[in-house]
């Protein structure tokens, strides 16, 4: 009987936590927060590029994959990498002109507080 009660409590607890929607960390807008939840990247770095805050999502899962640059509105600005290594050619000066601000997400956890 105790085992049945324990199992019911465990299942009920799991069901309640699966519906939980976390709030975004302080300083991270909902567009970027929702993209992280959707894409599950390995890391997300925040940069200043052309006087705009942008986010580099490392979603790399193999040698020909892209790394994507997103605006703070959650729109793709550029893709880097790929088979040729040249990406899509947009934001070609990113590596030379962008200023790294911080890593906000790394391996499943938020670093931004």
N, C-alpha and C. Protein backbone atom coordinates (compact mmCIF):
# COMPACT_ATOMS: atom_id res chain seq x y z
N UNK A 1 0.82 -1.19 0.00
CA UNK A 1 0.00 0.00 0.00
C UNK A 1 0.87 1.26 0.00
N UNK A 2 1.93 1.23 0.82
CA UNK A 2 2.82 2.38 0.87
C UNK A 2 3.48 2.61 -0.49
N UNK A 3 3.82 1.52 -1.14
CA UNK A 3 4.45 1.61 -2.46
C UNK A 3 3.51 2.28 -3.47
N UNK A 4 2.23 1.93 -3.43
CA UNK A 4 1.25 2.51 -4.35
C UNK A 4 1.09 4.01 -4.09
N UNK A 5 1.08 4.41 -2.84
CA UNK A 5 0.97 5.84 -2.50
C UNK A 5 2.21 6.57 -2.98
N UNK A 6 3.36 5.98 -2.75
CA UNK A 6 4.62 6.59 -3.19
C UNK A 6 4.63 6.78 -4.72
N UNK A 7 4.21 5.78 -5.44
CA UNK A 7 4.18 5.85 -6.91
C UNK A 7 3.20 6.93 -7.37
N UNK A 8 2.03 7.02 -6.75
CA UNK A 8 1.06 8.06 -7.11
C UNK A 8 1.62 9.45 -6.85
N UNK A 9 2.29 9.62 -5.71
CA UNK A 9 2.88 10.92 -5.41
C UNK A 9 3.99 11.27 -6.40
N UNK A 10 4.78 10.30 -6.75
CA UNK A 10 5.87 10.52 -7.70
C UNK A 10 5.32 10.91 -9.07
N UNK A 11 4.34 10.18 -9.55
CA UNK A 11 3.73 10.48 -10.86
C UNK A 11 3.06 11.85 -10.83
N UNK A 12 2.34 12.15 -9.77
CA UNK A 12 1.69 13.46 -9.64
C UNK A 12 2.69 14.59 -9.64
N UNK A 13 3.80 14.40 -8.94
CA UNK A 13 4.85 15.42 -8.90
C UNK A 13 5.48 15.62 -10.27
N UNK A 14 5.72 14.55 -10.98
CA UNK A 14 6.28 14.66 -12.32
C UNK A 14 5.33 15.38 -13.27
N UNK A 15 4.05 15.09 -13.14
CA UNK A 15 3.07 15.74 -14.01
C UNK A 15 3.01 17.23 -13.73
N UNK A 16 3.11 17.63 -12.49
CA UNK A 16 3.06 19.05 -12.14
C UNK A 16 4.29 19.79 -12.63
N UNK A 17 5.46 19.20 -12.50
CA UNK A 17 6.68 19.89 -12.92
C UNK A 17 6.81 19.92 -14.42
N UNK A 18 6.20 19.00 -15.14
CA UNK A 18 6.31 19.01 -16.60
C UNK A 18 5.53 20.17 -17.21
N UNK A 19 4.58 20.74 -16.48
CA UNK A 19 3.80 21.86 -16.98
C UNK A 19 4.43 23.19 -16.59
N UNK A 20 5.48 23.17 -15.83
CA UNK A 20 6.12 24.38 -15.35
C UNK A 20 6.82 25.11 -16.48
N UNK A 21 6.57 26.41 -16.60
CA UNK A 21 7.25 27.24 -17.59
C UNK A 21 8.15 28.19 -16.83
N UNK A 22 9.43 28.05 -17.04
CA UNK A 22 10.40 28.88 -16.33
C UNK A 22 10.36 30.30 -16.85
N UNK A 23 10.69 31.23 -15.98
CA UNK A 23 10.83 32.62 -16.38
C UNK A 23 12.22 32.82 -16.96
N UNK A 24 12.33 33.78 -17.88
CA UNK A 24 13.64 34.05 -18.46
C UNK A 24 14.53 34.72 -17.43
N UNK A 25 15.83 34.47 -17.51
CA UNK A 25 16.77 35.11 -16.59
C UNK A 25 16.74 36.62 -16.78
N UNK A 26 17.13 37.33 -15.75
CA UNK A 26 17.16 38.78 -15.80
C UNK A 26 18.08 39.23 -16.93
N UNK A 27 17.61 40.17 -17.73
CA UNK A 27 18.41 40.71 -18.81
C UNK A 27 18.31 39.95 -20.12
N UNK A 28 17.54 38.87 -20.15
CA UNK A 28 17.36 38.09 -21.38
C UNK A 28 15.91 38.27 -21.82
N UNK A 29 15.73 38.80 -23.03
CA UNK A 29 14.36 39.03 -23.47
C UNK A 29 13.69 37.71 -23.85
N UNK A 30 12.38 37.75 -23.94
CA UNK A 30 11.60 36.54 -24.20
C UNK A 30 11.89 35.92 -25.56
N UNK A 31 12.24 36.74 -26.56
CA UNK A 31 12.56 36.20 -27.88
C UNK A 31 13.75 35.24 -27.80
N UNK A 32 14.80 35.67 -27.15
CA UNK A 32 16.00 34.85 -27.03
C UNK A 32 15.75 33.67 -26.09
N UNK A 33 15.06 33.91 -25.00
CA UNK A 33 14.73 32.85 -24.05
C UNK A 33 13.97 31.72 -24.75
N UNK A 34 12.96 32.08 -25.52
CA UNK A 34 12.15 31.07 -26.22
C UNK A 34 12.95 30.34 -27.29
N UNK A 35 13.87 31.04 -27.97
CA UNK A 35 14.73 30.37 -28.95
C UNK A 35 15.63 29.33 -28.30
N UNK A 36 16.15 29.66 -27.13
CA UNK A 36 16.99 28.70 -26.41
C UNK A 36 16.18 27.46 -26.05
N UNK A 37 14.97 27.66 -25.57
CA UNK A 37 14.12 26.51 -25.23
C UNK A 37 13.79 25.67 -26.45
N UNK A 38 13.58 26.33 -27.58
CA UNK A 38 13.21 25.63 -28.81
C UNK A 38 14.40 24.91 -29.45
N UNK A 39 15.54 25.58 -29.54
CA UNK A 39 16.68 25.05 -30.29
C UNK A 39 17.64 24.21 -29.44
N UNK A 40 17.61 24.39 -28.13
CA UNK A 40 18.50 23.68 -27.21
C UNK A 40 19.95 23.72 -27.68
N UNK A 41 20.52 24.91 -27.83
CA UNK A 41 21.90 25.02 -28.31
C UNK A 41 22.91 24.58 -27.25
N UNK A 42 24.13 24.33 -27.69
CA UNK A 42 25.20 24.01 -26.75
C UNK A 42 25.58 25.25 -25.97
N UNK A 43 25.57 26.41 -26.65
CA UNK A 43 25.88 27.66 -25.97
C UNK A 43 25.26 28.83 -26.73
N UNK A 44 25.12 29.94 -26.01
CA UNK A 44 24.65 31.19 -26.60
C UNK A 44 25.54 32.31 -26.05
N UNK A 45 26.15 33.06 -26.96
CA UNK A 45 27.00 34.18 -26.58
C UNK A 45 26.34 35.48 -27.02
N UNK A 46 26.46 36.48 -26.18
CA UNK A 46 25.92 37.80 -26.48
C UNK A 46 27.05 38.69 -26.99
N UNK A 47 26.78 39.42 -28.06
CA UNK A 47 27.77 40.32 -28.68
C UNK A 47 27.14 41.68 -28.94
N UNK A 48 28.00 42.66 -29.14
CA UNK A 48 27.59 43.95 -29.67
C UNK A 48 28.12 44.01 -31.10
N UNK A 49 27.22 44.18 -32.05
CA UNK A 49 27.58 44.18 -33.47
C UNK A 49 26.81 45.29 -34.17
N UNK A 50 27.52 46.20 -34.79
CA UNK A 50 26.90 47.35 -35.46
C UNK A 50 25.93 48.08 -34.53
N UNK A 51 26.37 48.32 -33.30
CA UNK A 51 25.59 49.02 -32.27
C UNK A 51 24.31 48.29 -31.90
N UNK A 52 24.25 47.01 -32.12
CA UNK A 52 23.07 46.20 -31.81
C UNK A 52 23.49 44.99 -30.98
N UNK A 53 22.68 44.64 -29.99
CA UNK A 53 22.92 43.42 -29.22
C UNK A 53 22.44 42.24 -30.04
N UNK A 54 23.35 41.27 -30.24
CA UNK A 54 23.04 40.07 -31.03
C UNK A 54 23.47 38.84 -30.25
N UNK A 55 23.00 37.68 -30.69
CA UNK A 55 23.26 36.44 -29.97
C UNK A 55 23.72 35.36 -30.94
N UNK A 56 24.86 34.76 -30.62
CA UNK A 56 25.42 33.70 -31.45
C UNK A 56 25.05 32.36 -30.82
N UNK A 57 24.24 31.58 -31.53
CA UNK A 57 23.76 30.29 -31.05
C UNK A 57 24.63 29.19 -31.63
N UNK A 58 25.28 28.44 -30.77
CA UNK A 58 26.06 27.29 -31.21
C UNK A 58 25.16 26.06 -31.19
N UNK A 59 24.58 25.75 -32.33
CA UNK A 59 23.71 24.58 -32.46
C UNK A 59 24.42 23.47 -33.22
N UNK A 60 25.71 23.57 -33.30
CA UNK A 60 26.54 22.65 -34.08
C UNK A 60 26.35 21.21 -33.60
N UNK A 61 26.10 20.33 -34.55
CA UNK A 61 25.99 18.91 -34.21
C UNK A 61 26.78 18.03 -35.17
N UNK A 62 27.54 18.65 -36.05
CA UNK A 62 28.36 17.91 -36.99
C UNK A 62 29.19 18.86 -37.82
N UNK A 63 30.11 18.33 -38.61
CA UNK A 63 31.08 19.17 -39.31
C UNK A 63 30.51 20.12 -40.34
N UNK A 64 29.35 19.88 -40.88
CA UNK A 64 28.80 20.76 -41.92
C UNK A 64 27.64 21.62 -41.41
N UNK A 65 27.46 21.68 -40.10
CA UNK A 65 26.36 22.45 -39.54
C UNK A 65 26.71 23.93 -39.45
N UNK A 66 25.68 24.73 -39.28
CA UNK A 66 25.85 26.17 -39.14
C UNK A 66 25.76 26.60 -37.68
N UNK A 67 26.36 27.72 -37.40
CA UNK A 67 26.16 28.46 -36.17
C UNK A 67 25.41 29.72 -36.58
N UNK A 68 24.34 30.06 -35.86
CA UNK A 68 23.46 31.14 -36.30
C UNK A 68 23.58 32.37 -35.42
N UNK A 69 23.53 33.52 -36.06
CA UNK A 69 23.52 34.80 -35.38
C UNK A 69 22.08 35.33 -35.41
N UNK A 70 21.55 35.67 -34.24
CA UNK A 70 20.18 36.16 -34.10
C UNK A 70 20.18 37.59 -33.57
N UNK A 71 19.22 38.37 -34.05
CA UNK A 71 18.99 39.70 -33.48
C UNK A 71 18.30 39.52 -32.13
N UNK A 72 18.20 40.60 -31.36
CA UNK A 72 17.51 40.50 -30.08
C UNK A 72 16.00 40.29 -30.25
N UNK A 73 15.52 40.42 -31.47
CA UNK A 73 14.11 40.13 -31.78
C UNK A 73 13.90 38.67 -32.17
N UNK A 74 14.98 37.89 -32.19
CA UNK A 74 14.87 36.47 -32.51
C UNK A 74 14.89 36.15 -33.98
N UNK A 75 15.33 37.08 -34.81
CA UNK A 75 15.40 36.86 -36.26
C UNK A 75 16.83 36.47 -36.67
N UNK A 76 16.94 35.51 -37.57
CA UNK A 76 18.26 35.08 -38.05
C UNK A 76 18.89 36.21 -38.86
N UNK A 77 20.10 36.58 -38.49
CA UNK A 77 20.84 37.61 -39.21
C UNK A 77 21.88 37.00 -40.15
N UNK A 78 22.45 35.86 -39.74
CA UNK A 78 23.49 35.23 -40.54
C UNK A 78 23.71 33.80 -40.08
N UNK A 79 24.29 33.01 -40.97
CA UNK A 79 24.71 31.65 -40.65
C UNK A 79 26.21 31.56 -40.93
N UNK A 80 26.95 30.98 -40.00
CA UNK A 80 28.39 30.81 -40.15
C UNK A 80 28.72 29.33 -40.21
N UNK A 81 29.76 28.97 -40.95
CA UNK A 81 30.19 27.58 -41.04
C UNK A 81 29.63 26.91 -42.27
N UNK A 82 29.15 25.69 -42.10
CA UNK A 82 28.63 24.92 -43.22
C UNK A 82 29.73 24.21 -43.95
N UNK A 83 29.38 23.57 -45.06
CA UNK A 83 30.33 22.76 -45.82
C UNK A 83 31.53 23.57 -46.28
N UNK A 84 31.29 24.77 -46.80
CA UNK A 84 32.38 25.60 -47.31
C UNK A 84 33.11 26.35 -46.20
N UNK A 85 32.45 26.49 -45.05
CA UNK A 85 33.02 27.27 -43.96
C UNK A 85 32.72 28.74 -44.07
N UNK A 86 32.11 29.15 -45.17
CA UNK A 86 31.82 30.56 -45.40
C UNK A 86 30.44 30.99 -44.94
N UNK A 87 29.61 30.08 -44.54
CA UNK A 87 28.25 30.41 -44.12
C UNK A 87 27.43 30.93 -45.27
N UNK A 88 26.52 31.83 -44.95
CA UNK A 88 25.64 32.38 -45.99
C UNK A 88 26.14 33.72 -46.53
N UNK A 89 27.27 34.20 -46.04
CA UNK A 89 27.86 35.43 -46.55
C UNK A 89 27.33 36.70 -45.92
N UNK A 90 26.26 36.60 -45.16
CA UNK A 90 25.74 37.79 -44.46
C UNK A 90 26.59 38.04 -43.21
N UNK A 91 26.70 39.27 -42.82
CA UNK A 91 27.48 39.67 -41.63
C UNK A 91 28.92 39.16 -41.73
N UNK A 92 29.51 39.29 -42.91
CA UNK A 92 30.85 38.77 -43.16
C UNK A 92 31.91 39.40 -42.27
N UNK A 93 31.66 40.59 -41.76
CA UNK A 93 32.64 41.26 -40.90
C UNK A 93 32.41 41.00 -39.42
N UNK A 94 31.52 40.08 -39.09
CA UNK A 94 31.18 39.82 -37.69
C UNK A 94 32.41 39.48 -36.84
N UNK A 95 33.23 38.56 -37.30
CA UNK A 95 34.39 38.11 -36.51
C UNK A 95 35.37 39.25 -36.25
N UNK A 96 35.47 40.19 -37.17
CA UNK A 96 36.42 41.29 -37.02
C UNK A 96 35.86 42.47 -36.24
N UNK A 97 34.55 42.68 -36.29
CA UNK A 97 34.00 43.91 -35.71
C UNK A 97 33.12 43.71 -34.48
N UNK A 98 32.63 42.52 -34.23
CA UNK A 98 31.75 42.29 -33.07
C UNK A 98 32.56 42.29 -31.78
N UNK A 99 31.91 42.75 -30.72
CA UNK A 99 32.52 42.75 -29.40
C UNK A 99 31.79 41.75 -28.51
N UNK A 100 32.54 40.78 -27.99
CA UNK A 100 31.96 39.77 -27.10
C UNK A 100 31.55 40.45 -25.80
N UNK A 101 30.32 40.17 -25.36
CA UNK A 101 29.84 40.70 -24.08
C UNK A 101 29.90 39.62 -23.00
N UNK A 102 29.20 38.50 -23.25
CA UNK A 102 29.16 37.42 -22.25
C UNK A 102 28.53 36.18 -22.85
N UNK A 103 28.76 35.06 -22.19
CA UNK A 103 28.06 33.82 -22.50
C UNK A 103 26.84 33.79 -21.59
N UNK A 104 25.66 33.62 -22.18
CA UNK A 104 24.44 33.63 -21.38
C UNK A 104 23.87 32.24 -21.12
N UNK A 105 24.30 31.27 -21.93
CA UNK A 105 23.76 29.91 -21.81
C UNK A 105 24.85 28.94 -22.20
N UNK A 106 25.03 27.89 -21.40
CA UNK A 106 26.08 26.92 -21.69
C UNK A 106 25.67 25.54 -21.19
N UNK A 107 25.62 24.60 -22.12
CA UNK A 107 25.37 23.19 -21.81
C UNK A 107 24.17 22.96 -20.89
N UNK A 108 23.04 23.56 -21.28
CA UNK A 108 21.81 23.29 -20.54
C UNK A 108 21.54 24.16 -19.35
N UNK A 109 22.37 25.17 -19.09
CA UNK A 109 22.09 26.04 -17.96
C UNK A 109 22.35 27.49 -18.28
N UNK A 110 21.55 28.34 -17.64
CA UNK A 110 21.66 29.77 -17.85
C UNK A 110 22.79 30.33 -17.00
N UNK A 111 23.62 31.14 -17.61
CA UNK A 111 24.69 31.81 -16.88
C UNK A 111 24.31 33.25 -16.56
N UNK A 112 23.37 33.79 -17.31
CA UNK A 112 22.89 35.16 -17.07
C UNK A 112 22.01 35.14 -15.84
N UNK A 113 22.24 36.06 -14.96
CA UNK A 113 21.44 36.14 -13.72
C UNK A 113 20.80 37.49 -13.62
